[in-house]
Amino acid sequence: MGQYDRLRKNPSRETCESIIRRILSAEISERGQNRHFRHSSDFLPYFESLYPSSESLAKQVQRAVKSMDMAKDGDGFYIINKTQEQIRQEEELKHFFQASETVLGSLEGCETVFLRSAKVSLDYLIHLISSTDTLKDKYATMVKASNGVLIYTENKEELLALLKPLLS
């Protein structure tokens, strides 16, 4: 009878929070995203299946949702796995990507060429290579390393043929 009595009383706010997390986690694992829960009242049918329906139960669920301070997506659905700050950061990054015309690139087909050089000259070396018209389309990217520059290129032989005369 102790178990029965416990289920008939309203749950604590912490218990509500735990149940809400489980509900949202199940929603995300089943559907990939939350497309059902926007308001605390959307959780009530689940709680009313465990506890007697009452105004105090609804208020306790509201308190739990408010206490959890969950972020919402652009359509107003709760997001369980991100904070408001993470959403703000992602929006800022998204805006920057769009404004700067950023796209995903791949270095999968690239080979590397390593130019060993003095540490003090690495920034200037990268600047010179990137501003030389002969070399500007011959590499995908360059990375400063501890004692030189790594150049990623899709045509290693062509790049080497252009660099070797400059190194002699």
Protein backbone atom coordinates (compact mmCIF):
# COMPACT_ATOMS: atom_id res chain seq x y z
CA MET A 1 0.00 0.00 0.00
CA GLY A 2 2.99 2.37 0.56
CA GLN A 3 3.81 2.31 -3.19
CA TYR A 4 0.14 3.02 -4.01
CA ASP A 5 0.04 5.97 -1.60
CA ARG A 6 3.21 7.44 -3.08
CA LEU A 7 1.78 7.30 -6.62
CA ARG A 8 -1.48 8.95 -5.57
CA LYS A 9 0.22 12.08 -4.12
CA ASN A 10 1.59 14.82 -6.33
CA PRO A 11 5.21 14.30 -7.28
CA SER A 12 7.95 16.64 -6.10
CA ARG A 13 9.32 19.24 -8.49
CA GLU A 14 12.53 17.19 -8.79
CA THR A 15 10.53 14.09 -9.68
CA CYS A 16 8.60 16.09 -12.30
CA GLU A 17 11.89 17.35 -13.76
CA SER A 18 13.22 13.81 -13.98
CA ILE A 19 10.06 12.58 -15.71
CA ILE A 20 10.10 15.52 -18.14
CA ARG A 21 13.74 14.77 -19.03
CA ARG A 22 12.84 11.12 -19.68
CA ILE A 23 9.82 12.12 -21.80
CA LEU A 24 11.87 14.51 -23.93
CA SER A 25 14.77 12.08 -24.23
CA ALA A 26 12.37 9.37 -25.42
CA GLU A 27 10.81 11.81 -27.90
CA ILE A 28 14.22 12.68 -29.32
CA SER A 29 15.41 9.08 -29.49
CA GLU A 30 12.20 7.97 -31.24
CA ARG A 31 11.66 10.90 -33.60
CA GLY A 32 15.06 12.60 -33.78
CA GLN A 33 13.67 15.86 -32.41
CA ASN A 34 10.90 17.23 -30.22
CA ARG A 35 7.82 18.12 -32.26
CA HIS A 36 5.25 17.62 -29.52
CA PHE A 37 6.15 19.60 -26.37
CA ARG A 38 5.95 23.41 -26.37
CA HIS A 39 4.18 24.15 -23.09
CA SER A 40 4.08 22.63 -19.64
CA SER A 41 0.48 21.58 -20.32
CA ASP A 42 1.73 19.27 -23.09
CA PHE A 43 3.30 17.07 -20.38
CA LEU A 44 0.12 16.78 -18.30
CA PRO A 45 -1.36 13.69 -20.01
CA TYR A 46 1.77 11.74 -19.05
CA PHE A 47 1.58 12.90 -15.43
CA GLU A 48 -2.17 12.33 -15.24
CA SER A 49 -1.60 8.72 -16.26
CA LEU A 50 0.49 8.33 -13.06
CA TYR A 51 -1.15 10.80 -10.66
CA PRO A 52 -4.68 12.06 -10.09
CA SER A 53 -5.53 15.04 -12.27
CA SER A 54 -5.63 18.21 -10.23
CA GLU A 55 -4.80 21.89 -10.35
CA SER A 56 -1.92 21.31 -7.94
CA LEU A 57 -0.45 18.65 -10.26
CA ALA A 58 -0.61 21.09 -13.18
CA LYS A 59 1.09 23.77 -11.07
CA GLN A 60 3.81 21.35 -9.97
CA VAL A 61 4.52 20.44 -13.62
CA GLN A 62 4.62 24.16 -14.48
CA ARG A 63 7.10 24.78 -11.65
CA ALA A 64 9.28 21.93 -12.87
CA VAL A 65 9.31 23.20 -16.47
CA LYS A 66 10.08 26.73 -15.30
CA SER A 67 12.84 25.49 -13.00
CA MET A 68 14.45 23.51 -15.83
CA ASP A 69 14.70 26.73 -17.90
CA MET A 70 14.83 24.73 -21.13
CA ALA A 71 15.77 26.36 -24.40
CA LYS A 72 13.28 26.36 -27.27
CA ASP A 73 13.94 25.97 -30.97
CA GLY A 74 12.74 28.41 -33.63
CA ASP A 75 9.29 26.78 -33.66
CA GLY A 76 8.89 26.99 -29.88
CA PHE A 77 9.52 23.33 -29.02
CA TYR A 78 11.57 22.49 -25.91
CA ILE A 79 15.17 21.42 -26.45
CA ILE A 80 16.40 19.10 -23.72
CA ASN A 81 20.07 18.85 -24.66
CA LYS A 82 20.99 22.54 -25.16
CA THR A 83 21.03 25.62 -22.97
CA GLN A 84 19.80 29.07 -23.98
CA GLU A 85 23.46 30.13 -24.28
CA GLN A 86 24.23 27.24 -26.65
CA ILE A 87 21.26 28.21 -28.82
CA ARG A 88 22.46 31.84 -28.89
CA GLN A 89 25.99 30.74 -29.83
CA GLU A 90 24.70 28.46 -32.60
CA GLU A 91 22.52 31.25 -33.99
CA GLU A 92 25.51 33.60 -34.03
CA LEU A 93 27.63 30.96 -35.78
CA LYS A 94 24.84 30.27 -38.31
CA HIS A 95 24.54 33.99 -39.08
CA PHE A 96 28.31 34.27 -39.51
CA PHE A 97 28.41 31.22 -41.82
CA GLN A 98 25.69 32.73 -44.01
CA ALA A 99 27.25 36.22 -44.06
CA SER A 100 30.72 34.90 -44.90
CA GLU A 101 29.42 32.32 -47.42
CA THR A 102 31.08 29.51 -45.45
CA VAL A 103 30.73 25.99 -46.86
CA LEU A 104 32.05 22.62 -45.78
CA GLY A 105 35.25 21.64 -47.48
CA SER A 106 37.11 18.37 -47.59
CA LEU A 107 40.81 17.64 -47.45
CA GLU A 108 40.15 14.00 -48.28
CA GLY A 109 41.82 14.09 -51.69
CA CYS A 110 44.70 16.26 -50.53
CA GLU A 111 48.33 15.40 -50.01
CA THR A 112 50.71 17.38 -47.85
CA VAL A 113 53.85 19.30 -48.64
CA PHE A 114 55.95 20.44 -45.71
CA LEU A 115 58.15 23.51 -45.91
CA ARG A 116 60.63 23.59 -43.05
CA SER A 117 61.41 27.17 -42.08
CA ALA A 118 62.51 29.30 -39.13
CA LYS A 119 59.71 29.83 -36.58
CA VAL A 120 60.02 33.62 -36.73
CA SER A 121 59.25 33.64 -40.45
CA LEU A 122 56.24 31.31 -40.62
CA ASP A 123 53.53 33.98 -40.68
CA TYR A 124 55.35 35.91 -43.38
CA LEU A 125 55.97 32.72 -45.39
CA ILE A 126 52.24 31.92 -45.34
CA HIS A 127 51.47 35.50 -46.37
CA LEU A 128 53.93 35.35 -49.29
CA ILE A 129 52.62 32.00 -50.57
CA SER A 130 48.99 33.08 -50.30
CA SER A 131 49.62 36.36 -52.12
CA THR A 132 51.77 34.92 -54.93
CA ASP A 133 49.60 34.61 -58.06
CA THR A 134 51.53 31.56 -59.30
CA LEU A 135 50.74 29.57 -56.15
CA LYS A 136 47.33 30.88 -55.05
CA ASP A 137 45.23 28.16 -56.74
CA LYS A 138 47.65 25.32 -56.08
CA TYR A 139 46.70 24.50 -52.49
CA ALA A 140 43.58 23.93 -50.40
CA THR A 141 44.99 25.34 -47.16
CA MET A 142 48.17 25.99 -45.20
CA VAL A 143 48.78 25.33 -41.52
CA LYS A 144 51.56 26.78 -39.41
CA ALA A 145 53.42 23.96 -37.65
CA SER A 146 56.06 24.16 -34.93
CA ASN A 147 58.96 24.31 -37.38
CA GLY A 148 57.42 24.93 -40.75
CA VAL A 149 54.27 25.15 -42.84
CA LEU A 150 52.07 22.25 -43.90
CA ILE A 151 50.47 22.82 -47.29
CA TYR A 152 47.51 20.68 -48.28
CA THR A 153 47.16 20.31 -52.04
CA GLU A 154 45.17 18.25 -54.50
CA ASN A 155 48.03 18.32 -57.01
CA LYS A 156 51.24 17.69 -55.13
CA GLU A 157 53.42 17.20 -58.21
CA GLU A 158 52.37 20.53 -59.73
CA LEU A 159 52.95 22.37 -56.45
CA LEU A 160 56.36 20.74 -55.98
CA ALA A 161 57.32 21.66 -59.54
CA LEU A 162 56.54 25.31 -58.76
CA LEU A 163 58.24 25.34 -55.34
CA LYS A 164 61.49 23.45 -56.12
CA PRO A 165 63.00 26.16 -58.40
CA LEU A 166 62.23 28.74 -55.70
CA LEU A 167 64.06 26.68 -53.06
CA SER A 168 67.33 26.34 -55.00
